[in-house]
Amino acid sequence: MKTTLNLNDQILRQAKGRAARDGITLTRFVEDALRARLAPTRDPKPPFRLRLEIVEGDRPPNVEVSDRNALYDVIDRA
């Protein structure tokens, strides 16, 4: 079927260039683009959610966390 489309000049140049690089006709390029755009969309994946496990310790900490110098001492030993 023949049809007439009014396309933006820059987009048409890009499409012609891409079709030439791909070794296909402009018609084939436009048909492929339309098929891709009209294809049914898949359901998007659910967004990633990081679940952190909280573990309660049964021992007191090795260092008094409010004492900056004590924290530095522990870090320096590691």
PDB file of N, CA and C in Angstrom:
ATOM      1  N   MET A   1       0.845  -1.168   0.000  1.00  0.00           N
ATOM      2  CA  MET A   1       0.000   0.000   0.000  1.00  0.00           C
ATOM      3  C   MET A   1       0.894   1.235   0.000  1.00  0.00           C
ATOM      4  N   LYS A   2       0.529   2.193  -0.764  1.00  0.00           N
ATOM      5  CA  LYS A   2       1.269   3.452  -0.797  1.00  0.00           C
ATOM      6  C   LYS A   2       0.589   4.445   0.118  1.00  0.00           C
ATOM      7  N   THR A   3       1.415   5.273   0.741  1.00  0.00           N
ATOM      8  CA  THR A   3       0.881   6.332   1.593  1.00  0.00           C
ATOM      9  C   THR A   3       1.866   7.481   1.585  1.00  0.00           C
ATOM     10  N   THR A   4       1.406   8.627   2.008  1.00  0.00           N
ATOM     11  CA  THR A   4       2.256   9.809   2.082  1.00  0.00           C
ATOM     12  C   THR A   4       2.406  10.204   3.532  1.00  0.00           C
ATOM     13  N   LEU A   5       3.646  10.430   3.941  1.00  0.00           N
ATOM     14  CA  LEU A   5       3.927  10.870   5.308  1.00  0.00           C
ATOM     15  C   LEU A   5       4.689  12.179   5.258  1.00  0.00           C
ATOM     16  N   ASN A   6       4.374  13.054   6.159  1.00  0.00           N
ATOM     17  CA  ASN A   6       5.149  14.279   6.319  1.00  0.00           C
ATOM     18  C   ASN A   6       6.073  14.073   7.512  1.00  0.00           C
ATOM     19  N   LEU A   7       7.371  13.968   7.232  1.00  0.00           N
ATOM     20  CA  LEU A   7       8.353  13.691   8.262  1.00  0.00           C
ATOM     21  C   LEU A   7       9.287  14.871   8.450  1.00  0.00           C
ATOM     22  N   ASN A   8       9.777  15.008   9.641  1.00  0.00           N
ATOM     23  CA  ASN A   8      10.794  15.997   9.939  1.00  0.00           C
ATOM     24  C   ASN A   8      12.032  15.692   9.089  1.00  0.00           C
ATOM     25  N   ASP A   9      12.616  16.730   8.461  1.00  0.00           N
ATOM     26  CA  ASP A   9      13.745  16.525   7.546  1.00  0.00           C
ATOM     27  C   ASP A   9      14.917  15.820   8.221  1.00  0.00           C
ATOM     28  N   GLN A  10      15.230  16.211   9.439  1.00  0.00           N
ATOM     29  CA  GLN A  10      16.369  15.617  10.140  1.00  0.00           C
ATOM     30  C   GLN A  10      16.104  14.136  10.440  1.00  0.00           C
ATOM     31  N   ILE A  11      14.892  13.825  10.865  1.00  0.00           N
ATOM     32  CA  ILE A  11      14.552  12.432  11.163  1.00  0.00           C
ATOM     33  C   ILE A  11      14.605  11.594   9.888  1.00  0.00           C
ATOM     34  N   LEU A  12      14.109  12.145   8.795  1.00  0.00           N
ATOM     35  CA  LEU A  12      14.139  11.422   7.527  1.00  0.00           C
ATOM     36  C   LEU A  12      15.577  11.157   7.092  1.00  0.00           C
ATOM     37  N   ARG A  13      16.464  12.147   7.231  1.00  0.00           N
ATOM     38  CA  ARG A  13      17.873  11.946   6.874  1.00  0.00           C
ATOM     39  C   ARG A  13      18.496  10.851   7.732  1.00  0.00           C
ATOM     40  N   GLN A  14      18.188  10.871   9.028  1.00  0.00           N
ATOM     41  CA  GLN A  14      18.730   9.848   9.920  1.00  0.00           C
ATOM     42  C   GLN A  14      18.211   8.457   9.540  1.00  0.00           C
ATOM     43  N   ALA A  15      16.921   8.390   9.214  1.00  0.00           N
ATOM     44  CA  ALA A  15      16.329   7.105   8.839  1.00  0.00           C
ATOM     45  C   ALA A  15      16.936   6.578   7.543  1.00  0.00           C
ATOM     46  N   LYS A  16      17.112   7.453   6.567  1.00  0.00           N
ATOM     47  CA  LYS A  16      17.719   7.043   5.303  1.00  0.00           C
ATOM     48  C   LYS A  16      19.153   6.559   5.522  1.00  0.00           C
ATOM     49  N   GLY A  17      19.895   7.295   6.332  1.00  0.00           N
ATOM     50  CA  GLY A  17      21.275   6.906   6.612  1.00  0.00           C
ATOM     51  C   GLY A  17      21.352   5.568   7.333  1.00  0.00           C
ATOM     52  N   ARG A  18      20.493   5.383   8.304  1.00  0.00           N
ATOM     53  CA  ARG A  18      20.492   4.120   9.059  1.00  0.00           C
ATOM     54  C   ARG A  18      20.085   2.954   8.174  1.00  0.00           C
ATOM     55  N   ALA A  19      19.074   3.188   7.325  1.00  0.00           N
ATOM     56  CA  ALA A  19      18.643   2.134   6.403  1.00  0.00           C
ATOM     57  C   ALA A  19      19.782   1.761   5.456  1.00  0.00           C
ATOM     58  N   ALA A  20      20.493   2.759   4.946  1.00  0.00           N
ATOM     59  CA  ALA A  20      21.613   2.493   4.041  1.00  0.00           C
ATOM     60  C   ALA A  20      22.712   1.708   4.763  1.00  0.00           C
ATOM     61  N   ARG A  21      23.034   2.102   5.991  1.00  0.00           N
ATOM     62  CA  ARG A  21      24.060   1.382   6.767  1.00  0.00           C
ATOM     63  C   ARG A  21      23.638  -0.056   7.040  1.00  0.00           C
ATOM     64  N   ASP A  22      22.337  -0.258   7.272  1.00  0.00           N
ATOM     65  CA  ASP A  22      21.830  -1.602   7.552  1.00  0.00           C
ATOM     66  C   ASP A  22      21.605  -2.408   6.277  1.00  0.00           C
ATOM     67  N   GLY A  23      21.737  -1.752   5.116  1.00  0.00           N
ATOM     68  CA  GLY A  23      21.562  -2.444   3.838  1.00  0.00           C
ATOM     69  C   GLY A  23      20.117  -2.800   3.541  1.00  0.00           C
ATOM     70  N   ILE A  24      19.183  -1.960   4.004  1.00  0.00           N
ATOM     71  CA  ILE A  24      17.757  -2.203   3.739  1.00  0.00           C
ATOM     72  C   ILE A  24      17.162  -0.939   3.131  1.00  0.00           C
ATOM     73  N   THR A  25      15.958  -1.085   2.596  1.00  0.00           N
ATOM     74  CA  THR A  25      15.289   0.078   2.010  1.00  0.00           C
ATOM     75  C   THR A  25      14.699   0.942   3.123  1.00  0.00           C
ATOM     76  N   LEU A  26      14.400   2.167   2.775  1.00  0.00           N
ATOM     77  CA  LEU A  26      13.748   3.062   3.728  1.00  0.00           C
ATOM     78  C   LEU A  26      12.372   2.500   4.101  1.00  0.00           C
ATOM     79  N   THR A  27      11.675   1.921   3.117  1.00  0.00           N
ATOM     80  CA  THR A  27      10.369   1.318   3.400  1.00  0.00           C
ATOM     81  C   THR A  27      10.503   0.234   4.452  1.00  0.00           C
ATOM     82  N   ARG A  28      11.478  -0.646   4.264  1.00  0.00           N
ATOM     83  CA  ARG A  28      11.688  -1.736   5.232  1.00  0.00           C
ATOM     84  C   ARG A  28      12.031  -1.172   6.611  1.00  0.00           C
ATOM     85  N   PHE A  29      12.858  -0.132   6.630  1.00  0.00           N
ATOM     86  CA  PHE A  29      13.248   0.491   7.897  1.00  0.00           C
ATOM     87  C   PHE A  29      12.022   1.037   8.625  1.00  0.00           C
ATOM     88  N   VAL A  30      11.161   1.753   7.900  1.00  0.00           N
ATOM     89  CA  VAL A  30       9.960   2.343   8.500  1.00  0.00           C
ATOM     90  C   VAL A  30       9.003   1.239   8.953  1.00  0.00           C
ATOM     91  N   GLU A  31       8.843   0.190   8.146  1.00  0.00           N
ATOM     92  CA  GLU A  31       7.983  -0.921   8.547  1.00  0.00           C
ATOM     93  C   GLU A  31       8.486  -1.579   9.825  1.00  0.00           C
ATOM     94  N   ASP A  32       9.796  -1.821   9.905  1.00  0.00           N
ATOM     95  CA  ASP A  32      10.371  -2.433  11.109  1.00  0.00           C
ATOM     96  C   ASP A  32      10.164  -1.546  12.331  1.00  0.00           C
ATOM     97  N   ALA A  33      10.345  -0.240  12.140  1.00  0.00           N
ATOM     98  CA  ALA A  33      10.159   0.700  13.255  1.00  0.00           C
ATOM     99  C   ALA A  33       8.704   0.699  13.723  1.00  0.00           C
ATOM    100  N   LEU A  34       7.784   0.665  12.779  1.00  0.00           N
ATOM    101  CA  LEU A  34       6.363   0.633  13.140  1.00  0.00           C
ATOM    102  C   LEU A  34       6.001  -0.684  13.830  1.00  0.00           C
ATOM    103  N   ARG A  35       6.543  -1.798  13.336  1.00  0.00           N
ATOM    104  CA  ARG A  35       6.279  -3.089  13.984  1.00  0.00           C
ATOM    105  C   ARG A  35       6.774  -3.074  15.428  1.00  0.00           C
ATOM    106  N   ALA A  36       7.971  -2.544  15.609  1.00  0.00           N
ATOM    107  CA  ALA A  36       8.541  -2.499  16.968  1.00  0.00           C
ATOM    108  C   ALA A  36       7.689  -1.625  17.885  1.00  0.00           C
ATOM    109  N   ARG A  37       7.223  -0.519  17.363  1.00  0.00           N
ATOM    110  CA  ARG A  37       6.415   0.398  18.177  1.00  0.00           C
ATOM    111  C   ARG A  37       5.023  -0.170  18.460  1.00  0.00           C
ATOM    112  N   LEU A  38       4.477  -0.935  17.533  1.00  0.00           N
ATOM    113  CA  LEU A  38       3.131  -1.477  17.686  1.00  0.00           C
ATOM    114  C   LEU A  38       3.097  -2.820  18.410  1.00  0.00           C
ATOM    115  N   ALA A  39       4.257  -3.426  18.619  1.00  0.00           N
ATOM    116  CA  ALA A  39       4.307  -4.730  19.287  1.00  0.00           C
ATOM    117  C   ALA A  39       3.753  -4.601  20.702  1.00  0.00           C
ATOM    118  N   PRO A  40       3.083  -5.636  21.162  1.00  0.00           N
ATOM    119  CA  PRO A  40       2.550  -5.573  22.525  1.00  0.00           C
ATOM    120  C   PRO A  40       3.695  -5.413  23.527  1.00  0.00           C
ATOM    121  N   THR A  41       3.451  -4.583  24.497  1.00  0.00           N
ATOM    122  CA  THR A  41       4.485  -4.352  25.493  1.00  0.00           C
ATOM    123  C   THR A  41       4.398  -5.420  26.567  1.00  0.00           C
ATOM    124  N   ARG A  42       5.551  -5.829  27.034  1.00  0.00           N
ATOM    125  CA  ARG A  42       5.586  -6.795  28.125  1.00  0.00           C
ATOM    126  C   ARG A  42       5.366  -6.054  29.432  1.00  0.00           C
ATOM    127  N   ASP A  43       4.856  -6.773  30.392  1.00  0.00           N
ATOM    128  CA  ASP A  43       4.686  -6.162  31.705  1.00  0.00           C
ATOM    129  C   ASP A  43       6.064  -5.810  32.257  1.00  0.00           C
ATOM    130  N   PRO A  44       6.232  -4.587  32.717  1.00  0.00           N
ATOM    131  CA  PRO A  44       7.539  -4.224  33.256  1.00  0.00           C
ATOM    132  C   PRO A  44       7.821  -4.998  34.537  1.00  0.00           C
ATOM    133  N   LYS A  45       9.094  -5.223  34.772  1.00  0.00           N
ATOM    134  CA  LYS A  45       9.486  -5.913  35.995  1.00  0.00           C
ATOM    135  C   LYS A  45       9.135  -5.038  37.191  1.00  0.00           C
ATOM    136  N   PRO A  46       8.771  -5.651  38.281  1.00  0.00           N
ATOM    137  CA  PRO A  46       8.521  -4.838  39.476  1.00  0.00           C
ATOM    138  C   PRO A  46       9.825  -4.168  39.907  1.00  0.00           C
ATOM    139  N   PRO A  47       9.742  -2.992  40.493  1.00  0.00           N
ATOM    140  CA  PRO A  47      10.970  -2.306  40.893  1.00  0.00           C
ATOM    141  C   PRO A  47      11.726  -3.122  41.939  1.00  0.00           C
ATOM    142  N   PHE A  48      13.039  -3.014  41.870  1.00  0.00           N
ATOM    143  CA  PHE A  48      13.893  -3.732  42.811  1.00  0.00           C
ATOM    144  C   PHE A  48      13.715  -3.161  44.205  1.00  0.00           C
ATOM    145  N   ARG A  49      13.551  -4.049  45.166  1.00  0.00           N
ATOM    146  CA  ARG A  49      13.431  -3.627  46.564  1.00  0.00           C
ATOM    147  C   ARG A  49      14.471  -4.383  47.367  1.00  0.00           C
ATOM    148  N   LEU A  50      15.319  -3.664  48.032  1.00  0.00           N
ATOM    149  CA  LEU A  50      16.337  -4.267  48.875  1.00  0.00           C
ATOM    150  C   LEU A  50      15.732  -4.521  50.242  1.00  0.00           C
ATOM    151  N   ARG A  51      15.743  -5.762  50.646  1.00  0.00           N
ATOM    152  CA  ARG A  51      15.220  -6.125  51.962  1.00  0.00           C
ATOM    153  C   ARG A  51      16.401  -6.436  52.866  1.00  0.00           C
ATOM    154  N   LEU A  52      16.564  -5.648  53.878  1.00  0.00           N
ATOM    155  CA  LEU A  52      17.652  -5.847  54.818  1.00  0.00           C
ATOM    156  C   LEU A  52      17.152  -6.651  56.002  1.00  0.00           C
ATOM    157  N   GLU A  53      17.926  -7.644  56.365  1.00  0.00           N
ATOM    158  CA  GLU A  53      17.561  -8.454  57.511  1.00  0.00           C
ATOM    159  C   GLU A  53      18.163  -7.811  58.761  1.00  0.00           C
ATOM    160  N   ILE A  54      17.340  -7.650  59.764  1.00  0.00           N
ATOM    161  CA  ILE A  54      17.794  -7.069  61.022  1.00  0.00           C
ATOM    162  C   ILE A  54      18.056  -8.215  61.989  1.00  0.00           C
ATOM    163  N   VAL A  55      19.266  -8.232  62.488  1.00  0.00           N
ATOM    164  CA  VAL A  55      19.657  -9.292  63.409  1.00  0.00           C
ATOM    165  C   VAL A  55      19.979  -8.647  64.748  1.00  0.00           C
ATOM    166  N   GLU A  56      19.310  -9.103  65.765  1.00  0.00           N
ATOM    167  CA  GLU A  56      19.565  -8.594  67.117  1.00  0.00           C
ATOM    168  C   GLU A  56      20.726  -9.379  67.722  1.00  0.00           C
ATOM    169  N   GLY A  57      21.708  -8.658  68.211  1.00  0.00           N
ATOM    170  CA  GLY A  57      22.842  -9.309  68.855  1.00  0.00           C
ATOM    171  C   GLY A  57      22.544  -9.591  70.319  1.00  0.00           C
ATOM    172  N   ASP A  58      23.300 -10.519  70.880  1.00  0.00           N
ATOM    173  CA  ASP A  58      23.086 -10.840  72.285  1.00  0.00           C
ATOM    174  C   ASP A  58      24.289 -10.463  73.143  1.00  0.00           C
ATOM    175  N   ARG A  59      25.287  -9.813  72.518  1.00  0.00           N
ATOM    176  CA  ARG A  59      26.456  -9.368  73.267  1.00  0.00           C
ATOM    177  C   ARG A  59      26.541  -7.853  73.204  1.00  0.00           C
ATOM    178  N   PRO A  60      27.130  -7.229  74.205  1.00  0.00           N
ATOM    179  CA  PRO A  60      27.334  -5.783  74.133  1.00  0.00           C
ATOM    180  C   PRO A  60      28.403  -5.475  73.082  1.00  0.00           C
ATOM    181  N   PRO A  61      28.409  -4.269  72.546  1.00  0.00           N
ATOM    182  CA  PRO A  61      29.417  -3.914  71.530  1.00  0.00           C
ATOM    183  C   PRO A  61      30.822  -3.954  72.126  1.00  0.00           C
ATOM    184  N   ASN A  62      31.813  -4.156  71.250  1.00  0.00           N
ATOM    185  CA  ASN A  62      33.215  -4.209  71.682  1.00  0.00           C
ATOM    186  C   ASN A  62      33.764  -2.841  72.031  1.00  0.00           C
ATOM    187  N   VAL A  63      33.054  -1.810  71.658  1.00  0.00           N
ATOM    188  CA  VAL A  63      33.572  -0.458  71.852  1.00  0.00           C
ATOM    189  C   VAL A  63      32.409   0.469  72.193  1.00  0.00           C
ATOM    190  N   GLU A  64      32.684   1.467  72.964  1.00  0.00           N
ATOM    191  CA  GLU A  64      31.678   2.479  73.278  1.00  0.00           C
ATOM    192  C   GLU A  64      31.544   3.382  72.055  1.00  0.00           C
ATOM    193  N   VAL A  65      30.394   3.309  71.383  1.00  0.00           N
ATOM    194  CA  VAL A  65      30.238   4.019  70.115  1.00  0.00           C
ATOM    195  C   VAL A  65      30.184   5.526  70.276  1.00  0.00           C
ATOM    196  N   SER A  66      29.947   5.998  71.473  1.00  0.00           N
ATOM    197  CA  SER A  66      29.934   7.447  71.672  1.00  0.00           C
ATOM    198  C   SER A  66      31.344   8.002  71.893  1.00  0.00           C
ATOM    199  N   ASP A  67      32.342   7.132  72.019  1.00  0.00           N
ATOM    200  CA  ASP A  67      33.737   7.543  72.228  1.00  0.00           C
ATOM    201  C   ASP A  67      34.470   7.464  70.890  1.00  0.00           C
ATOM    202  N   ARG A  68      34.673   8.608  70.262  1.00  0.00           N
ATOM    203  CA  ARG A  68      35.278   8.677  68.943  1.00  0.00           C
ATOM    204  C   ARG A  68      36.676   8.066  68.925  1.00  0.00           C
ATOM    205  N   ASN A  69      37.472   8.371  69.920  1.00  0.00           N
ATOM    206  CA  ASN A  69      38.839   7.856  69.946  1.00  0.00           C
ATOM    207  C   ASN A  69      38.845   6.333  70.071  1.00  0.00           C
ATOM    208  N   ALA A  70      37.931   5.785  70.837  1.00  0.00           N
ATOM    209  CA  ALA A  70      37.843   4.333  70.957  1.00  0.00           C
ATOM    210  C   ALA A  70      37.447   3.715  69.615  1.00  0.00           C
ATOM    211  N   LEU A  71      36.564   4.360  68.898  1.00  0.00           N
ATOM    212  CA  LEU A  71      36.185   3.867  67.572  1.00  0.00           C
ATOM    213  C   LEU A  71      37.378   3.874  66.625  1.00  0.00           C
ATOM    214  N   TYR A  72      38.145   4.971  66.638  1.00  0.00           N
ATOM    215  CA  TYR A  72      39.334   5.059  65.785  1.00  0.00           C
ATOM    216  C   TYR A  72      40.333   3.964  66.138  1.00  0.00           C
ATOM    217  N   ASP A  73      40.493   3.690  67.425  1.00  0.00           N
ATOM    218  CA  ASP A  73      41.412   2.623  67.849  1.00  0.00           C
ATOM    219  C   ASP A  73      40.994   1.276  67.270  1.00  0.00           C
ATOM    220  N   VAL A  74      39.697   0.988  67.302  1.00  0.00           N
ATOM    221  CA  VAL A  74      39.204  -0.277  66.741  1.00  0.00           C
ATOM    222  C   VAL A  74      39.419  -0.320  65.231  1.00  0.00           C
ATOM    223  N   ILE A  75      39.174   0.784  64.563  1.00  0.00           N
ATOM    224  CA  ILE A  75      39.352   0.853  63.110  1.00  0.00           C
ATOM    225  C   ILE A  75      40.814   0.676  62.749  1.00  0.00           C
ATOM    226  N   ASP A  76      41.708   1.294  63.500  1.00  0.00           N
ATOM    227  CA  ASP A  76      43.137   1.198  63.225  1.00  0.00           C
ATOM    228  C   ASP A  76      43.650  -0.219  63.419  1.00  0.00           C
ATOM    229  N   ARG A  77      43.051  -0.990  64.324  1.00  0.00           N
ATOM    230  CA  ARG A  77      43.488  -2.364  64.564  1.00  0.00           C
ATOM    231  C   ARG A  77      43.057  -3.296  63.433  1.00  0.00           C
ATOM    232  N   ALA A  78      42.044  -2.926  62.701  1.00  0.00           N
ATOM    233  CA  ALA A  78      41.511  -3.819  61.644  1.00  0.00           C
ATOM    234  C   ALA A  78      42.391  -3.831  60.428  1.00  0.00           C
TER     235      ALA A  78
END
